[in-house]
Each structure stands twice: as C-alpha cells, then as structure tokens.
Amino acid sequence: MPKYTSKMKDRVFDTVDAIVRSPRVVRYCVGITLDPYSRSKQYRYWQVPYPHFAVLETNLSANNALMLEKELFYEIKNSRNNTLRRSKYVPDRIEGEYVNSLGGKASDNDSAYVFYVAWRSK
C-alpha cells in the first residue's frame, strides 16, 4: 500500500479543486470507501442525487485513508479565502467537526480503501 505523503494530499486536493472550479458543479463531498461501485450507486439514488463520482486515490490503508480525508476536510472547512471551494461543499457537513468513519467497518489496515469525490451539477 502506498505511504501517505503531503505530495499525495496535494495531488488529491488539486484534483478536487479542478472539479470544484467548474461553474457547472453545484455541490460536492469527499470520502473514503472499500466499495466504490456500491458507494457511487448510493450517491446516485439519494433524495438529492450526486450522479458524478471519481476515485482519486486507491489502495489506501484505513489509517492513511482517514488521515487524507481529515486533512482535506479541514483544508476545505478552513478555506475561507476560497469561498467557492467552501461554499460548494455539502453544507450540513462543513459546518460541523470532522467525524471519522470507515462506513461501519472495523479498522483494518490490510483492506484497500479508496478516496473519492462525488458531485452534482446544474
């Protein structure tokens, strides 16, 4: 499994920023999962769907996935100087504190997690 590095975080964050900058993107969120196919289906069928889903990093240990998710969450939350990035994030999540979750799974560093971004557009 790849080691978590600031270079990995920067690459993922740059990709999220590129997606968010699109004027067609209305809302987005980031997260981790063991099963990206099932997770993307869940987003498509929410009451307010997020039909677009992209995997940005693969083969992460649980600890590395949670660390990446937490750091990106706080960069988004604290990016008051970039109101576009912050304002498009899911409102009920960005106002609270980060809550780490492996989706009900026990912490297992042998599992391969993926980091994703989901979004909806106009």
N, C-alpha and C. Protein backbone atom coordinates (compact mmCIF):
# COMPACT_ATOMS: atom_id res chain seq x y z
N MET A 1 0.84 -1.18 0.00
CA MET A 1 0.00 0.00 0.00
C MET A 1 0.88 1.24 0.00
N PRO A 2 0.45 2.28 -0.73
CA PRO A 2 1.27 3.48 -0.78
C PRO A 2 1.30 4.19 0.58
N LYS A 3 2.41 4.81 0.86
CA LYS A 3 2.55 5.56 2.09
C LYS A 3 1.92 6.94 1.91
N TYR A 4 1.23 7.41 2.93
CA TYR A 4 0.60 8.73 2.89
C TYR A 4 1.69 9.79 2.91
N THR A 5 1.62 10.72 1.99
CA THR A 5 2.59 11.81 1.92
C THR A 5 1.88 13.12 1.64
N SER A 6 2.56 14.21 1.89
CA SER A 6 1.98 15.51 1.58
C SER A 6 1.83 15.67 0.07
N LYS A 7 2.68 15.02 -0.70
CA LYS A 7 2.57 15.07 -2.17
C LYS A 7 1.27 14.40 -2.62
N MET A 8 0.90 13.28 -1.98
CA MET A 8 -0.37 12.60 -2.28
C MET A 8 -1.53 13.54 -1.95
N LYS A 9 -1.48 14.14 -0.77
CA LYS A 9 -2.56 15.04 -0.35
C LYS A 9 -2.69 16.20 -1.32
N ASP A 10 -1.58 16.80 -1.70
CA ASP A 10 -1.61 17.94 -2.63
C ASP A 10 -2.18 17.54 -3.98
N ARG A 11 -1.82 16.37 -4.47
CA ARG A 11 -2.34 15.90 -5.76
C ARG A 11 -3.85 15.70 -5.71
N VAL A 12 -4.33 15.08 -4.64
CA VAL A 12 -5.76 14.86 -4.48
C VAL A 12 -6.48 16.19 -4.33
N PHE A 13 -5.92 17.08 -3.53
CA PHE A 13 -6.56 18.37 -3.30
C PHE A 13 -6.61 19.19 -4.59
N ASP A 14 -5.55 19.15 -5.39
CA ASP A 14 -5.55 19.86 -6.67
C ASP A 14 -6.63 19.32 -7.60
N THR A 15 -6.84 18.02 -7.58
CA THR A 15 -7.89 17.41 -8.42
C THR A 15 -9.27 17.84 -7.95
N VAL A 16 -9.50 17.82 -6.64
CA VAL A 16 -10.77 18.27 -6.09
C VAL A 16 -11.01 19.73 -6.49
N ASP A 17 -9.99 20.55 -6.35
CA ASP A 17 -10.12 21.96 -6.73
C ASP A 17 -10.48 22.12 -8.20
N ALA A 18 -9.86 21.33 -9.06
CA ALA A 18 -10.15 21.41 -10.50
C ALA A 18 -11.61 21.10 -10.78
N ILE A 19 -12.15 20.12 -10.10
CA ILE A 19 -13.57 19.76 -10.27
C ILE A 19 -14.46 20.87 -9.74
N VAL A 20 -14.16 21.36 -8.55
CA VAL A 20 -14.99 22.36 -7.90
C VAL A 20 -15.02 23.68 -8.68
N ARG A 21 -13.94 24.01 -9.34
CA ARG A 21 -13.88 25.27 -10.10
C ARG A 21 -14.84 25.30 -11.28
N SER A 22 -15.31 24.16 -11.71
CA SER A 22 -16.24 24.16 -12.83
C SER A 22 -17.51 24.91 -12.46
N PRO A 23 -17.97 25.81 -13.30
CA PRO A 23 -19.20 26.54 -12.99
C PRO A 23 -20.43 25.63 -12.99
N ARG A 24 -20.32 24.45 -13.55
CA ARG A 24 -21.44 23.52 -13.57
C ARG A 24 -21.60 22.76 -12.25
N VAL A 25 -20.56 22.68 -11.43
CA VAL A 25 -20.63 21.96 -10.16
C VAL A 25 -21.40 22.80 -9.14
N VAL A 26 -22.44 22.17 -8.56
CA VAL A 26 -23.29 22.85 -7.58
C VAL A 26 -22.89 22.46 -6.16
N ARG A 27 -22.71 21.18 -5.90
CA ARG A 27 -22.35 20.64 -4.58
C ARG A 27 -21.39 19.49 -4.77
N TYR A 28 -20.56 19.25 -3.74
CA TYR A 28 -19.65 18.11 -3.78
C TYR A 28 -19.33 17.67 -2.36
N CYS A 29 -18.76 16.49 -2.26
CA CYS A 29 -18.23 16.00 -0.99
C CYS A 29 -17.11 15.01 -1.29
N VAL A 30 -16.29 14.75 -0.30
CA VAL A 30 -15.21 13.80 -0.43
C VAL A 30 -15.40 12.72 0.62
N GLY A 31 -14.80 11.55 0.40
CA GLY A 31 -14.92 10.48 1.37
C GLY A 31 -14.06 9.30 1.03
N ILE A 32 -14.19 8.25 1.86
CA ILE A 32 -13.44 7.01 1.65
C ILE A 32 -14.41 5.84 1.68
N THR A 33 -14.03 4.78 1.00
CA THR A 33 -14.87 3.58 0.97
C THR A 33 -14.04 2.37 0.57
N LEU A 34 -14.54 1.21 0.92
CA LEU A 34 -13.95 -0.04 0.46
C LEU A 34 -14.55 -0.47 -0.87
N ASP A 35 -15.77 -0.01 -1.14
CA ASP A 35 -16.51 -0.45 -2.32
C ASP A 35 -17.00 0.75 -3.12
N PRO A 36 -16.16 1.27 -4.00
CA PRO A 36 -16.56 2.48 -4.74
C PRO A 36 -17.78 2.27 -5.64
N TYR A 37 -17.96 1.08 -6.17
CA TYR A 37 -19.12 0.85 -7.03
C TYR A 37 -20.42 1.03 -6.24
N SER A 38 -20.52 0.38 -5.09
CA SER A 38 -21.73 0.50 -4.26
C SER A 38 -21.92 1.92 -3.75
N ARG A 39 -20.81 2.55 -3.36
CA ARG A 39 -20.92 3.91 -2.83
C ARG A 39 -21.40 4.87 -3.91
N SER A 40 -20.90 4.73 -5.13
CA SER A 40 -21.34 5.63 -6.20
C SER A 40 -22.82 5.42 -6.51
N LYS A 41 -23.30 4.19 -6.41
CA LYS A 41 -24.73 3.93 -6.61
C LYS A 41 -25.57 4.60 -5.53
N GLN A 42 -25.09 4.56 -4.28
CA GLN A 42 -25.80 5.23 -3.19
C GLN A 42 -25.95 6.72 -3.48
N TYR A 43 -24.88 7.36 -3.90
CA TYR A 43 -24.94 8.79 -4.20
C TYR A 43 -25.91 9.08 -5.33
N ARG A 44 -26.00 8.23 -6.32
CA ARG A 44 -26.90 8.47 -7.45
C ARG A 44 -28.36 8.41 -7.04
N TYR A 45 -28.68 7.66 -5.97
CA TYR A 45 -30.08 7.47 -5.60
C TYR A 45 -30.47 8.20 -4.31
N TRP A 46 -29.65 9.12 -3.84
CA TRP A 46 -30.04 9.96 -2.72
C TRP A 46 -31.22 10.81 -3.14
N GLN A 47 -31.91 11.37 -2.14
CA GLN A 47 -33.05 12.25 -2.44
C GLN A 47 -32.59 13.40 -3.35
N VAL A 48 -31.44 13.98 -3.05
CA VAL A 48 -30.80 14.93 -3.94
C VAL A 48 -29.54 14.23 -4.45
N PRO A 49 -29.59 13.70 -5.66
CA PRO A 49 -28.50 12.83 -6.13
C PRO A 49 -27.19 13.55 -6.43
N TYR A 50 -26.13 12.81 -6.28
CA TYR A 50 -24.79 13.22 -6.68
C TYR A 50 -24.36 12.20 -7.75
N PRO A 51 -24.73 12.44 -9.01
CA PRO A 51 -24.53 11.43 -10.04
C PRO A 51 -23.09 11.27 -10.52
N HIS A 52 -22.22 12.21 -10.17
CA HIS A 52 -20.83 12.13 -10.62
C HIS A 52 -19.96 11.65 -9.48
N PHE A 53 -19.05 10.73 -9.78
CA PHE A 53 -18.25 10.08 -8.75
C PHE A 53 -16.90 9.72 -9.36
N ALA A 54 -15.83 10.16 -8.71
CA ALA A 54 -14.49 9.84 -9.22
C ALA A 54 -13.60 9.37 -8.09
N VAL A 55 -12.88 8.30 -8.33
CA VAL A 55 -11.90 7.78 -7.38
C VAL A 55 -10.59 8.53 -7.63
N LEU A 56 -10.05 9.12 -6.57
CA LEU A 56 -8.85 9.94 -6.71
C LEU A 56 -7.59 9.26 -6.18
N GLU A 57 -7.75 8.31 -5.29
CA GLU A 57 -6.60 7.59 -4.75
C GLU A 57 -7.06 6.19 -4.37
N THR A 58 -6.24 5.20 -4.65
CA THR A 58 -6.62 3.81 -4.39
C THR A 58 -5.60 3.13 -3.49
N ASN A 59 -6.00 1.97 -3.02
CA ASN A 59 -5.10 1.09 -2.27
C ASN A 59 -4.56 1.72 -1.00
N LEU A 60 -5.42 2.45 -0.28
CA LEU A 60 -5.03 3.10 0.97
C LEU A 60 -5.34 2.22 2.17
N SER A 61 -4.48 2.24 3.15
CA SER A 61 -4.80 1.58 4.43
C SER A 61 -5.88 2.41 5.11
N ALA A 62 -6.55 1.85 6.09
CA ALA A 62 -7.58 2.58 6.82
C ALA A 62 -7.01 3.84 7.44
N ASN A 63 -5.85 3.74 8.08
CA ASN A 63 -5.24 4.91 8.72
C ASN A 63 -4.89 5.99 7.70
N ASN A 64 -4.31 5.60 6.56
CA ASN A 64 -3.96 6.59 5.54
C ASN A 64 -5.19 7.22 4.92
N ALA A 65 -6.22 6.43 4.69
CA ALA A 65 -7.46 6.96 4.12
C ALA A 65 -8.10 7.97 5.07
N LEU A 66 -8.17 7.64 6.34
CA LEU A 66 -8.76 8.56 7.32
C LEU A 66 -7.92 9.83 7.47
N MET A 67 -6.61 9.70 7.42
CA MET A 67 -5.74 10.86 7.54
C MET A 67 -5.94 11.80 6.34
N LEU A 68 -6.01 11.23 5.15
CA LEU A 68 -6.22 12.03 3.94
C LEU A 68 -7.58 12.74 3.99
N GLU A 69 -8.62 11.99 4.38
CA GLU A 69 -9.95 12.56 4.46
C GLU A 69 -10.00 13.71 5.48
N LYS A 70 -9.41 13.50 6.64
CA LYS A 70 -9.43 14.51 7.70
C LYS A 70 -8.68 15.77 7.28
N GLU A 71 -7.49 15.62 6.71
CA GLU A 71 -6.71 16.79 6.30
C GLU A 71 -7.44 17.58 5.21
N LEU A 72 -8.03 16.88 4.26
CA LEU A 72 -8.75 17.59 3.20
C LEU A 72 -10.00 18.26 3.73
N PHE A 73 -10.70 17.59 4.66
CA PHE A 73 -11.89 18.20 5.26
C PHE A 73 -11.53 19.54 5.90
N TYR A 74 -10.47 19.55 6.71
CA TYR A 74 -10.12 20.78 7.40
C TYR A 74 -9.55 21.84 6.45
N GLU A 75 -8.88 21.43 5.40
CA GLU A 75 -8.43 22.43 4.41
C GLU A 75 -9.64 23.07 3.73
N ILE A 76 -10.65 22.27 3.41
CA ILE A 76 -11.87 22.81 2.79
C ILE A 76 -12.59 23.71 3.79
N LYS A 77 -12.78 23.21 4.99
CA LYS A 77 -13.51 23.96 6.03
C LYS A 77 -12.84 25.29 6.33
N ASN A 78 -11.52 25.30 6.36
CA ASN A 78 -10.78 26.49 6.75
C ASN A 78 -10.41 27.39 5.57
N SER A 79 -10.88 27.07 4.39
CA SER A 79 -10.50 27.84 3.20
C SER A 79 -11.46 29.01 2.99
N ARG A 80 -11.55 29.85 3.98
CA ARG A 80 -12.45 31.00 3.91
C ARG A 80 -12.04 31.96 2.79
N ASN A 81 -10.74 31.96 2.46
CA ASN A 81 -10.29 32.84 1.37
C ASN A 81 -10.68 32.26 0.01
N ASN A 82 -11.10 31.02 -0.03
CA ASN A 82 -11.56 30.42 -1.28
C ASN A 82 -13.03 30.03 -1.07
N THR A 83 -13.90 31.01 -1.17
CA THR A 83 -15.31 30.77 -0.86
C THR A 83 -15.96 29.78 -1.81
N LEU A 84 -15.45 29.68 -3.04
CA LEU A 84 -16.01 28.73 -4.00
C LEU A 84 -15.83 27.30 -3.48
N ARG A 85 -14.62 26.95 -3.04
CA ARG A 85 -14.34 25.62 -2.53
C ARG A 85 -15.21 25.30 -1.32
N ARG A 86 -15.32 26.26 -0.41
CA ARG A 86 -16.07 26.03 0.83
C ARG A 86 -17.58 26.07 0.57
N SER A 87 -18.04 27.00 -0.23
CA SER A 87 -19.48 27.19 -0.41
C SER A 87 -20.14 26.05 -1.18
N LYS A 88 -19.38 25.34 -2.00
CA LYS A 88 -19.96 24.24 -2.77
C LYS A 88 -19.95 22.92 -2.00
N TYR A 89 -19.24 22.86 -0.86
CA TYR A 89 -19.19 21.62 -0.09
C TYR A 89 -20.55 21.39 0.58
N VAL A 90 -20.92 20.15 0.82
CA VAL A 90 -22.21 19.81 1.43
C VAL A 90 -22.37 20.61 2.72
N PRO A 91 -23.37 21.52 2.79
CA PRO A 91 -23.49 22.46 3.91
C PRO A 91 -23.61 21.81 5.29
N ASP A 92 -24.39 20.76 5.42
CA ASP A 92 -24.58 20.19 6.75
C ASP A 92 -23.33 19.47 7.25
N ARG A 93 -22.38 19.17 6.38
CA ARG A 93 -21.15 18.52 6.81
C ARG A 93 -20.05 19.53 7.13
N ILE A 94 -19.96 20.59 6.36
CA ILE A 94 -18.86 21.53 6.50
C ILE A 94 -19.00 22.38 7.77
N GLU A 95 -20.19 22.55 8.28
CA GLU A 95 -20.38 23.38 9.47
C GLU A 95 -20.00 22.65 10.74
N GLY A 96 -19.98 21.34 10.72
CA GLY A 96 -19.64 20.58 11.91
C GLY A 96 -18.15 20.27 11.99
N GLU A 97 -17.81 19.39 12.89
CA GLU A 97 -16.44 18.93 13.02
C GLU A 97 -16.27 17.64 12.22
N TYR A 98 -15.05 17.31 11.91
CA TYR A 98 -14.76 16.08 11.18
C TYR A 98 -15.13 14.87 12.04
N VAL A 99 -15.82 13.92 11.44
CA VAL A 99 -16.17 12.66 12.11
C VAL A 99 -15.59 11.55 11.26
N ASN A 100 -14.60 10.85 11.81
CA ASN A 100 -14.02 9.78 11.01
C ASN A 100 -14.91 8.56 11.03
N SER A 101 -14.99 7.91 9.90
CA SER A 101 -15.84 6.73 9.78
C SER A 101 -15.32 5.84 8.67
N LEU A 102 -15.28 4.57 8.95
CA LEU A 102 -14.92 3.59 7.93
C LEU A 102 -16.18 2.92 7.39
N GLY A 103 -17.31 3.61 7.51
CA GLY A 103 -18.55 3.08 6.97
C GLY A 103 -19.08 1.87 7.72
N GLY A 104 -18.85 1.83 9.02
CA GLY A 104 -19.33 0.71 9.81
C GLY A 104 -18.37 -0.46 9.84
N LYS A 105 -17.27 -0.35 9.15
CA LYS A 105 -16.27 -1.42 9.12
C LYS A 105 -15.30 -1.22 10.27
N ALA A 106 -14.77 -2.32 10.77
CA ALA A 106 -13.73 -2.25 11.79
C ALA A 106 -12.45 -1.74 11.13
N SER A 107 -11.62 -1.06 11.89
CA SER A 107 -10.35 -0.58 11.35
C SER A 107 -9.48 -1.77 10.97
N ASP A 108 -9.19 -1.88 9.71
CA ASP A 108 -8.42 -2.99 9.19
C ASP A 108 -7.40 -2.42 8.21
N ASN A 109 -6.16 -2.33 8.64
CA ASN A 109 -5.15 -1.72 7.79
C ASN A 109 -4.74 -2.59 6.62
N ASP A 110 -5.25 -3.80 6.53
CA ASP A 110 -4.95 -4.65 5.38
C ASP A 110 -5.93 -4.44 4.24
N SER A 111 -7.04 -3.77 4.51
CA SER A 111 -8.04 -3.51 3.48
C SER A 111 -7.58 -2.35 2.60
N ALA A 112 -7.99 -2.37 1.35
CA ALA A 112 -7.62 -1.32 0.40
C ALA A 112 -8.78 -0.34 0.23
N TYR A 113 -8.65 0.80 0.83
CA TYR A 113 -9.66 1.85 0.73
C TYR A 113 -9.38 2.74 -0.47
N VAL A 114 -10.40 3.42 -0.93
CA VAL A 114 -10.23 4.42 -1.98
C VAL A 114 -10.74 5.75 -1.45
N PHE A 115 -10.18 6.81 -1.98
CA PHE A 115 -10.61 8.17 -1.66
C PHE A 115 -11.33 8.70 -2.88
N TYR A 116 -12.51 9.29 -2.67
CA TYR A 116 -13.33 9.71 -3.80
C TYR A 116 -13.86 11.13 -3.61
N VAL A 117 -14.35 11.66 -4.71
CA VAL A 117 -15.12 12.90 -4.71
C VAL A 117 -16.42 12.61 -5.45
N ALA A 118 -17.51 13.10 -4.91
CA ALA A 118 -18.83 12.96 -5.56
C ALA A 118 -19.39 14.37 -5.72
N TRP A 119 -20.10 14.61 -6.84
CA TRP A 119 -20.65 15.93 -7.04
C TRP A 119 -21.90 15.89 -7.91
N ARG A 120 -22.64 16.99 -7.83
CA ARG A 120 -23.79 17.15 -8.71
C ARG A 120 -23.61 18.47 -9.45
N SER A 121 -24.21 18.53 -10.61
CA SER A 121 -24.04 19.71 -11.45
C SER A 121 -25.37 20.28 -11.84
N LYS A 122 -25.34 21.44 -12.47
CA LYS A 122 -26.56 22.13 -12.92
C LYS A 122 -27.24 21.35 -14.01
